[in-house]
PDB file of N, CA and C in Angstrom:
ATOM      1  N   MET A   1       1.342 -39.286 -35.093  1.00  0.00           N
ATOM      2  CA  MET A   1       2.297 -38.345 -35.794  1.00  0.00           C
ATOM      3  C   MET A   1       1.395 -37.076 -35.596  1.00  0.00           C
ATOM      4  N   ILE A   2       0.369 -37.029 -36.230  1.00  0.00           N
ATOM      5  CA  ILE A   2      -0.531 -36.064 -36.083  1.00  0.00           C
ATOM      6  C   ILE A   2      -0.915 -35.102 -34.757  1.00  0.00           C
ATOM      7  N   ARG A   3      -0.804 -36.514 -33.627  1.00  0.00           N
ATOM      8  CA  ARG A   3      -1.105 -36.251 -32.138  1.00  0.00           C
ATOM      9  C   ARG A   3       0.266 -35.352 -31.700  1.00  0.00           C
ATOM     10  N   CYS A   4       1.061 -35.652 -32.116  1.00  0.00           N
ATOM     11  CA  CYS A   4       2.408 -34.863 -31.712  1.00  0.00           C
ATOM     12  C   CYS A   4       2.745 -33.596 -32.202  1.00  0.00           C
ATOM     13  N   LEU A   5       2.457 -33.553 -33.485  1.00  0.00           N
ATOM     14  CA  LEU A   5       2.327 -32.286 -34.048  1.00  0.00           C
ATOM     15  C   LEU A   5       0.992 -31.157 -33.722  1.00  0.00           C
ATOM     16  N   THR A   6       0.073 -31.764 -32.945  1.00  0.00           N
ATOM     17  CA  THR A   6      -1.003 -30.983 -32.609  1.00  0.00           C
ATOM     18  C   THR A   6      -0.444 -30.518 -31.355  1.00  0.00           C
ATOM     19  N   ILE A   7      -0.098 -31.669 -30.252  1.00  0.00           N
ATOM     20  CA  ILE A   7       0.435 -31.071 -28.795  1.00  0.00           C
ATOM     21  C   ILE A   7       1.460 -30.508 -29.298  1.00  0.00           C
ATOM     22  N   LEU A   8       2.817 -30.235 -30.062  1.00  0.00           N
ATOM     23  CA  LEU A   8       4.026 -29.079 -30.202  1.00  0.00           C
ATOM     24  C   LEU A   8       3.417 -28.104 -30.959  1.00  0.00           C
ATOM     25  N   ALA A   9       2.291 -27.507 -31.424  1.00  0.00           N
ATOM     26  CA  ALA A   9       1.872 -26.674 -31.909  1.00  0.00           C
ATOM     27  C   ALA A   9       1.111 -25.762 -30.792  1.00  0.00           C
ATOM     28  N   SER A  10       0.425 -26.673 -29.809  1.00  0.00           N
ATOM     29  CA  SER A  10      -0.674 -26.289 -28.676  1.00  0.00           C
ATOM     30  C   SER A  10       0.867 -25.603 -27.838  1.00  0.00           C
ATOM     31  N   LEU A  11       1.873 -26.075 -27.498  1.00  0.00           N
ATOM     32  CA  LEU A  11       2.813 -25.727 -26.867  1.00  0.00           C
ATOM     33  C   LEU A  11       3.909 -24.446 -27.089  1.00  0.00           C
ATOM     34  N   VAL A  12       4.202 -24.581 -28.614  1.00  0.00           N
ATOM     35  CA  VAL A  12       4.566 -23.213 -29.254  1.00  0.00           C
ATOM     36  C   VAL A  12       3.243 -21.897 -29.112  1.00  0.00           C
ATOM     37  N   LEU A  13       1.934 -22.219 -29.421  1.00  0.00           N
ATOM     38  CA  LEU A  13       1.148 -21.079 -29.245  1.00  0.00           C
ATOM     39  C   LEU A  13       1.159 -20.657 -27.493  1.00  0.00           C
ATOM     40  N   LEU A  14       1.106 -21.562 -26.410  1.00  0.00           N
ATOM     41  CA  LEU A  14       1.093 -21.000 -25.344  1.00  0.00           C
ATOM     42  C   LEU A  14       2.437 -20.457 -24.748  1.00  0.00           C
ATOM     43  N   GLY A  15       3.314 -21.243 -25.178  1.00  0.00           N
ATOM     44  CA  GLY A  15       4.690 -20.284 -24.910  1.00  0.00           C
ATOM     45  C   GLY A  15       4.883 -18.681 -25.652  1.00  0.00           C
ATOM     46  N   GLY A  16       4.143 -18.863 -26.459  1.00  0.00           N
ATOM     47  CA  GLY A  16       4.032 -17.508 -27.431  1.00  0.00           C
ATOM     48  C   GLY A  16       3.358 -16.431 -26.701  1.00  0.00           C
ATOM     49  N   CYS A  17       1.808 -16.862 -26.168  1.00  0.00           N
ATOM     50  CA  CYS A  17       1.065 -16.215 -24.671  1.00  0.00           C
ATOM     51  C   CYS A  17       1.812 -15.491 -23.691  1.00  0.00           C
ATOM     52  N   ALA A  18       3.231 -16.527 -23.315  1.00  0.00           N
ATOM     53  CA  ALA A  18       3.824 -16.355 -21.915  1.00  0.00           C
ATOM     54  C   ALA A  18       4.605 -14.986 -22.272  1.00  0.00           C
ATOM     55  N   LEU A  19       5.317 -15.158 -23.753  1.00  0.00           N
ATOM     56  CA  LEU A  19       6.315 -14.450 -23.953  1.00  0.00           C
ATOM     57  C   LEU A  19       5.565 -13.037 -24.397  1.00  0.00           C
ATOM     58  N   THR A  20       4.403 -12.626 -24.680  1.00  0.00           N
ATOM     59  CA  THR A  20       3.574 -11.882 -25.225  1.00  0.00           C
ATOM     60  C   THR A  20       3.455 -11.095 -23.397  1.00  0.00           C
ATOM     61  N   ASP A  21       2.886 -11.707 -22.437  1.00  0.00           N
ATOM     62  CA  ASP A  21       2.605 -11.124 -21.099  1.00  0.00           C
ATOM     63  C   ASP A  21       3.954 -10.680 -20.780  1.00  0.00           C
ATOM     64  N   GLU A  22       5.351 -11.232 -20.701  1.00  0.00           N
ATOM     65  CA  GLU A  22       6.559 -10.548 -20.510  1.00  0.00           C
ATOM     66  C   GLU A  22       6.833  -9.392 -21.382  1.00  0.00           C
ATOM     67  N   ILE A  23       6.685  -9.519 -22.415  1.00  0.00           N
ATOM     68  CA  ILE A  23       6.888  -8.165 -23.058  1.00  0.00           C
ATOM     69  C   ILE A  23       6.098  -6.930 -22.573  1.00  0.00           C
ATOM     70  N   ALA A  24       4.723  -7.470 -22.501  1.00  0.00           N
ATOM     71  CA  ALA A  24       3.927  -6.347 -22.221  1.00  0.00           C
ATOM     72  C   ALA A  24       4.126  -5.692 -20.768  1.00  0.00           C
ATOM     73  N   ALA A  25       4.656  -6.532 -19.782  1.00  0.00           N
ATOM     74  CA  ALA A  25       4.936  -6.644 -18.474  1.00  0.00           C
ATOM     75  C   ALA A  25       6.067  -5.198 -18.706  1.00  0.00           C
ATOM     76  N   SER A  26       6.967  -5.782 -19.559  1.00  0.00           N
ATOM     77  CA  SER A  26       8.429  -4.881 -19.353  1.00  0.00           C
ATOM     78  C   SER A  26       7.972  -3.521 -20.253  1.00  0.00           C
ATOM     79  N   LEU A  27       6.985  -3.509 -20.831  1.00  0.00           N
ATOM     80  CA  LEU A  27       6.514  -2.319 -21.559  1.00  0.00           C
ATOM     81  C   LEU A  27       5.813  -1.151 -20.561  1.00  0.00           C
ATOM     82  N   SER A  28       5.045  -1.791 -19.940  1.00  0.00           N
ATOM     83  CA  SER A  28       4.058  -0.735 -19.162  1.00  0.00           C
ATOM     84  C   SER A  28       4.776   0.185 -18.292  1.00  0.00           C
ATOM     85  N   PRO A  29       4.307   1.172 -17.684  1.00  0.00           N
ATOM     86  CA  PRO A  29       4.817   2.147 -17.089  1.00  0.00           C
ATOM     87  C   PRO A  29       5.097   1.765 -15.617  1.00  0.00           C
ATOM     88  N   LYS A  30       5.910   1.743 -15.003  1.00  0.00           N
ATOM     89  CA  LYS A  30       6.652   1.029 -13.740  1.00  0.00           C
ATOM     90  C   LYS A  30       5.595   2.131 -12.573  1.00  0.00           C
ATOM     91  N   LYS A  31       4.997   1.533 -11.433  1.00  0.00           N
ATOM     92  CA  LYS A  31       4.257   2.255 -10.465  1.00  0.00           C
ATOM     93  C   LYS A  31       5.178   2.713  -9.389  1.00  0.00           C
ATOM     94  N   GLU A  32       5.305   4.506  -9.366  1.00  0.00           N
ATOM     95  CA  GLU A  32       6.229   4.729  -8.345  1.00  0.00           C
ATOM     96  C   GLU A  32       5.239   4.563  -6.787  1.00  0.00           C
ATOM     97  N   THR A  33       6.571   4.587  -5.937  1.00  0.00           N
ATOM     98  CA  THR A  33       5.746   4.038  -4.447  1.00  0.00           C
ATOM     99  C   THR A  33       6.290   5.761  -3.463  1.00  0.00           C
ATOM    100  N   VAL A  34       5.281   5.765  -2.874  1.00  0.00           N
ATOM    101  CA  VAL A  34       5.717   7.061  -1.985  1.00  0.00           C
ATOM    102  C   VAL A  34       6.026   6.651  -0.419  1.00  0.00           C
ATOM    103  N   ALA A  35       7.282   7.232  -0.513  1.00  0.00           N
ATOM    104  CA  ALA A  35       8.012   7.004   0.418  1.00  0.00           C
ATOM    105  C   ALA A  35       7.217   7.546   2.035  1.00  0.00           C
ATOM    106  N   ALA A  36       7.372   6.762   3.005  1.00  0.00           N
ATOM    107  CA  ALA A  36       6.800   7.389   4.048  1.00  0.00           C
ATOM    108  C   ALA A  36       7.629   8.436   4.983  1.00  0.00           C
ATOM    109  N   PRO A  37       7.151   9.373   5.274  1.00  0.00           N
ATOM    110  CA  PRO A  37       7.853  10.307   6.057  1.00  0.00           C
ATOM    111  C   PRO A  37       9.017   9.806   7.128  1.00  0.00           C
ATOM    112  N   GLU A  38       9.907  11.224   7.337  1.00  0.00           N
ATOM    113  CA  GLU A  38      10.859  10.390   8.128  1.00  0.00           C
ATOM    114  C   GLU A  38      10.812  10.656   9.527  1.00  0.00           C
ATOM    115  N   THR A  39       9.946  12.170   9.487  1.00  0.00           N
ATOM    116  CA  THR A  39       9.485  12.688  10.797  1.00  0.00           C
ATOM    117  C   THR A  39       8.198  12.141  11.240  1.00  0.00           C
ATOM    118  N   PRO A  40       7.807  12.145  12.545  1.00  0.00           N
ATOM    119  CA  PRO A  40       6.637  11.555  12.881  1.00  0.00           C
ATOM    120  C   PRO A  40       5.665  12.457  12.454  1.00  0.00           C
ATOM    121  N   VAL A  41       3.926  11.952  12.320  1.00  0.00           N
ATOM    122  CA  VAL A  41       3.043  12.740  11.819  1.00  0.00           C
ATOM    123  C   VAL A  41       2.055  12.188  12.728  1.00  0.00           C
ATOM    124  N   TYR A  42       1.173  13.315  13.526  1.00  0.00           N
ATOM    125  CA  TYR A  42       0.139  12.482  14.572  1.00  0.00           C
ATOM    126  C   TYR A  42      -1.089  13.652  14.087  1.00  0.00           C
ATOM    127  N   CYS A  43      -2.168  12.865  13.568  1.00  0.00           N
ATOM    128  CA  CYS A  43      -3.284  13.553  12.567  1.00  0.00           C
ATOM    129  C   CYS A  43      -4.520  13.369  13.381  1.00  0.00           C
ATOM    130  N   TYR A  44      -5.446  14.620  13.706  1.00  0.00           N
ATOM    131  CA  TYR A  44      -6.365  14.708  14.325  1.00  0.00           C
ATOM    132  C   TYR A  44      -7.520  15.201  13.902  1.00  0.00           C
ATOM    133  N   GLN A  45      -8.680  14.606  14.066  1.00  0.00           N
ATOM    134  CA  GLN A  45      -9.898  15.094  13.811  1.00  0.00           C
ATOM    135  C   GLN A  45     -10.350  16.446  13.863  1.00  0.00           C
ATOM    136  N   THR A  46     -10.743  17.488  13.196  1.00  0.00           N
ATOM    137  CA  THR A  46     -11.116  18.904  13.642  1.00  0.00           C
ATOM    138  C   THR A  46     -12.603  18.712  13.426  1.00  0.00           C
ATOM    139  N   LEU A  47     -13.337  19.765  13.525  1.00  0.00           N
ATOM    140  CA  LEU A  47     -14.468  19.785  12.834  1.00  0.00           C
ATOM    141  C   LEU A  47     -14.461  19.619  11.444  1.00  0.00           C
ATOM    142  N   GLY A  48     -14.083  20.594  10.456  1.00  0.00           N
ATOM    143  CA  GLY A  48     -13.733  20.572   9.406  1.00  0.00           C
ATOM    144  C   GLY A  48     -13.074  19.664   8.325  1.00  0.00           C
ATOM    145  N   GLN A  49     -12.000  19.088   9.005  1.00  0.00           N
ATOM    146  CA  GLN A  49     -11.096  18.034   8.463  1.00  0.00           C
ATOM    147  C   GLN A  49      -9.962  17.848   9.420  1.00  0.00           C
ATOM    148  N   VAL A  50      -8.812  17.094   8.881  1.00  0.00           N
ATOM    149  CA  VAL A  50      -7.645  16.433   9.477  1.00  0.00           C
ATOM    150  C   VAL A  50      -6.653  17.037   9.157  1.00  0.00           C
ATOM    151  N   GLU A  51      -6.729  17.432  10.935  1.00  0.00           N
ATOM    152  CA  GLU A  51      -5.126  18.286  11.073  1.00  0.00           C
ATOM    153  C   GLU A  51      -3.715  17.521  11.616  1.00  0.00           C
ATOM    154  N   CYS A  52      -2.516  17.715  10.864  1.00  0.00           N
ATOM    155  CA  CYS A  52      -1.410  16.697  11.135  1.00  0.00           C
ATOM    156  C   CYS A  52      -0.587  17.546  11.984  1.00  0.00           C
ATOM    157  N   TYR A  53       0.291  17.133  12.937  1.00  0.00           N
ATOM    158  CA  TYR A  53       1.353  17.852  13.934  1.00  0.00           C
ATOM    159  C   TYR A  53       2.738  17.011  13.964  1.00  0.00           C
ATOM    160  N   PRO A  54       3.587  17.815  14.183  1.00  0.00           N
ATOM    161  CA  PRO A  54       4.847  17.022  14.045  1.00  0.00           C
ATOM    162  C   PRO A  54       4.976  16.316  15.548  1.00  0.00           C
ATOM    163  N   ALA A  55       4.492  16.753  16.592  1.00  0.00           N
ATOM    164  CA  ALA A  55       4.291  15.876  17.888  1.00  0.00           C
ATOM    165  C   ALA A  55       2.633  15.580  18.345  1.00  0.00           C
ATOM    166  N   PRO A  56       2.579  14.919  19.469  1.00  0.00           N
ATOM    167  CA  PRO A  56       1.420  14.648  19.633  1.00  0.00           C
ATOM    168  C   PRO A  56       0.653  15.317  20.545  1.00  0.00           C
ATOM    169  N   LEU A  57      -0.882  16.039  20.598  1.00  0.00           N
ATOM    170  CA  LEU A  57      -1.414  16.852  21.295  1.00  0.00           C
ATOM    171  C   LEU A  57      -1.507  16.095  22.529  1.00  0.00           C
ATOM    172  N   PRO A  58      -1.634  17.049  23.609  1.00  0.00           N
ATOM    173  CA  PRO A  58      -1.799  16.451  25.143  1.00  0.00           C
ATOM    174  C   PRO A  58      -2.873  15.260  24.954  1.00  0.00           C
ATOM    175  N   PRO A  59      -2.807  14.356  26.361  1.00  0.00           N
ATOM    176  CA  PRO A  59      -3.730  13.070  26.414  1.00  0.00           C
ATOM    177  C   PRO A  59      -5.094  13.667  26.187  1.00  0.00           C
ATOM    178  N   SER A  60      -5.446  14.704  26.825  1.00  0.00           N
ATOM    179  CA  SER A  60      -6.942  14.993  26.617  1.00  0.00           C
ATOM    180  C   SER A  60      -7.648  15.327  25.377  1.00  0.00           C
ATOM    181  N   GLN A  61      -6.741  15.321  24.376  1.00  0.00           N
ATOM    182  CA  GLN A  61      -7.034  15.102  22.675  1.00  0.00           C
ATOM    183  C   GLN A  61      -7.199  13.815  21.976  1.00  0.00           C
ATOM    184  N   ALA A  62      -6.520  13.012  23.089  1.00  0.00           N
ATOM    185  CA  ALA A  62      -6.812  11.413  22.611  1.00  0.00           C
ATOM    186  C   ALA A  62      -7.528  11.033  21.772  1.00  0.00           C
ATOM    187  N   GLY A  63      -8.679  11.407  21.859  1.00  0.00           N
ATOM    188  CA  GLY A  63     -10.025  10.994  21.625  1.00  0.00           C
ATOM    189  C   GLY A  63     -10.184  11.317  20.226  1.00  0.00           C
ATOM    190  N   ARG A  64      -9.332  12.133  19.668  1.00  0.00           N
ATOM    191  CA  ARG A  64      -9.620  12.925  18.031  1.00  0.00           C
ATOM    192  C   ARG A  64      -8.878  12.437  17.306  1.00  0.00           C
ATOM    193  N   LEU A  65      -7.494  11.401  18.014  1.00  0.00           N
ATOM    194  CA  LEU A  65      -6.602  11.122  17.190  1.00  0.00           C
ATOM    195  C   LEU A  65      -7.036   9.872  15.988  1.00  0.00           C
ATOM    196  N   VAL A  66      -6.809  10.296  14.771  1.00  0.00           N
ATOM    197  CA  VAL A  66      -7.285   9.115  13.477  1.00  0.00           C
ATOM    198  C   VAL A  66      -6.085   8.510  13.041  1.00  0.00           C
ATOM    199  N   GLY A  67      -4.830   8.728  13.144  1.00  0.00           N
ATOM    200  CA  GLY A  67      -3.983   8.108  12.902  1.00  0.00           C
ATOM    201  C   GLY A  67      -2.673   8.468  13.354  1.00  0.00           C
ATOM    202  N   TYR A  68      -1.367   7.962  12.899  1.00  0.00           N
ATOM    203  CA  TYR A  68      -0.032   8.446  13.525  1.00  0.00           C
ATOM    204  C   TYR A  68       0.961   7.676  12.420  1.00  0.00           C
ATOM    205  N   TYR A  69       2.027   8.057  12.791  1.00  0.00           N
ATOM    206  CA  TYR A  69       3.220   7.589  11.760  1.00  0.00           C
ATOM    207  C   TYR A  69       4.567   8.214  12.612  1.00  0.00           C
ATOM    208  N   GLY A  70       5.296   7.036  13.608  1.00  0.00           N
ATOM    209  CA  GLY A  70       6.015   7.435  14.420  1.00  0.00           C
ATOM    210  C   GLY A  70       5.839   6.543  15.558  1.00  0.00           C
ATOM    211  N   SER A  71       6.410   6.714  16.825  1.00  0.00           N
ATOM    212  CA  SER A  71       5.966   6.212  17.927  1.00  0.00           C
ATOM    213  C   SER A  71       4.882   6.764  18.556  1.00  0.00           C
ATOM    214  N   ALA A  72       4.352   5.602  19.354  1.00  0.00           N
ATOM    215  CA  ALA A  72       2.928   5.748  19.817  1.00  0.00           C
ATOM    216  C   ALA A  72       2.658   7.109  20.775  1.00  0.00           C
ATOM    217  N   PRO A  73       1.974   8.010  20.527  1.00  0.00           N
ATOM    218  CA  PRO A  73       1.241   8.896  21.462  1.00  0.00           C
ATOM    219  C   PRO A  73       1.151   8.875  22.686  1.00  0.00           C
ATOM    220  N   ARG A  74       0.713   7.702  22.698  1.00  0.00           N
ATOM    221  CA  ARG A  74       0.164   7.148  24.285  1.00  0.00           C
ATOM    222  C   ARG A  74       0.063   5.542  24.462  1.00  0.00           C
ATOM    223  N   ALA A  75      -0.159   4.947  25.578  1.00  0.00           N
ATOM    224  CA  ALA A  75      -0.407   3.721  25.549  1.00  0.00           C
ATOM    225  C   ALA A  75      -1.762   3.354  25.115  1.00  0.00           C
ATOM    226  N   LEU A  76      -1.896   2.236  24.056  1.00  0.00           N
ATOM    227  CA  LEU A  76      -3.164   2.122  23.617  1.00  0.00           C
ATOM    228  C   LEU A  76      -3.821   0.960  24.291  1.00  0.00           C
ATOM    229  N   THR A  77      -4.851   1.218  25.279  1.00  0.00           N
ATOM    230  CA  THR A  77      -5.270   0.329  25.595  1.00  0.00           C
ATOM    231  C   THR A  77      -6.418  -0.472  25.592  1.00  0.00           C
ATOM    232  N   GLY A  78      -6.684  -0.147  24.194  1.00  0.00           N
ATOM    233  CA  GLY A  78      -7.779  -0.686  23.442  1.00  0.00           C
ATOM    234  C   GLY A  78      -9.179   0.308  23.180  1.00  0.00           C
ATOM    235  N   SER A  79      -8.837   1.378  23.737  1.00  0.00           N
ATOM    236  CA  SER A  79      -9.944   2.401  23.418  1.00  0.00           C
ATOM    237  C   SER A  79      -9.052   3.486  22.461  1.00  0.00           C
ATOM    238  N   GLY A  80     -10.283   4.104  21.758  1.00  0.00           N
ATOM    239  CA  GLY A  80      -9.448   4.888  20.397  1.00  0.00           C
ATOM    240  C   GLY A  80      -8.654   4.628  19.561  1.00  0.00           C
ATOM    241  N   PRO A  81      -8.398   5.003  18.593  1.00  0.00           N
ATOM    242  CA  PRO A  81      -8.003   4.765  17.227  1.00  0.00           C
ATOM    243  C   PRO A  81      -6.601   4.034  17.307  1.00  0.00           C
ATOM    244  N   ALA A  82      -6.493   2.871  16.771  1.00  0.00           N
ATOM    245  CA  ALA A  82      -5.057   2.225  16.520  1.00  0.00           C
ATOM    246  C   ALA A  82      -4.595   2.760  15.158  1.00  0.00           C
ATOM    247  N   ARG A  83      -3.063   2.340  15.122  1.00  0.00           N
ATOM    248  CA  ARG A  83      -2.728   2.964  13.816  1.00  0.00           C
ATOM    249  C   ARG A  83      -2.743   2.524  12.640  1.00  0.00           C
ATOM    250  N   PRO A  84      -3.226   3.193  11.728  1.00  0.00           N
ATOM    251  CA  PRO A  84      -3.560   2.756  10.575  1.00  0.00           C
ATOM    252  C   PRO A  84      -3.005   1.961   9.819  1.00  0.00           C
TER     253      PRO A  84
END
């Protein structure tokens, strides 16, 4: 009988922990997600910083490409940066 009460008490205590986690999760602030830009963005490295443009630069500048969102600015042949 004591064994059954011990098991029952353990289950109640563990159930309370799970309930506490659910309450804490419902009270914590929700994380906001940042939406991806709707227009294409092509970012290139300059001497001081990264600059982004709405259209890709000429292929001669492809070596400076650090990332993009949108259609690929050129065929990625294994050289140069990949999409982040």
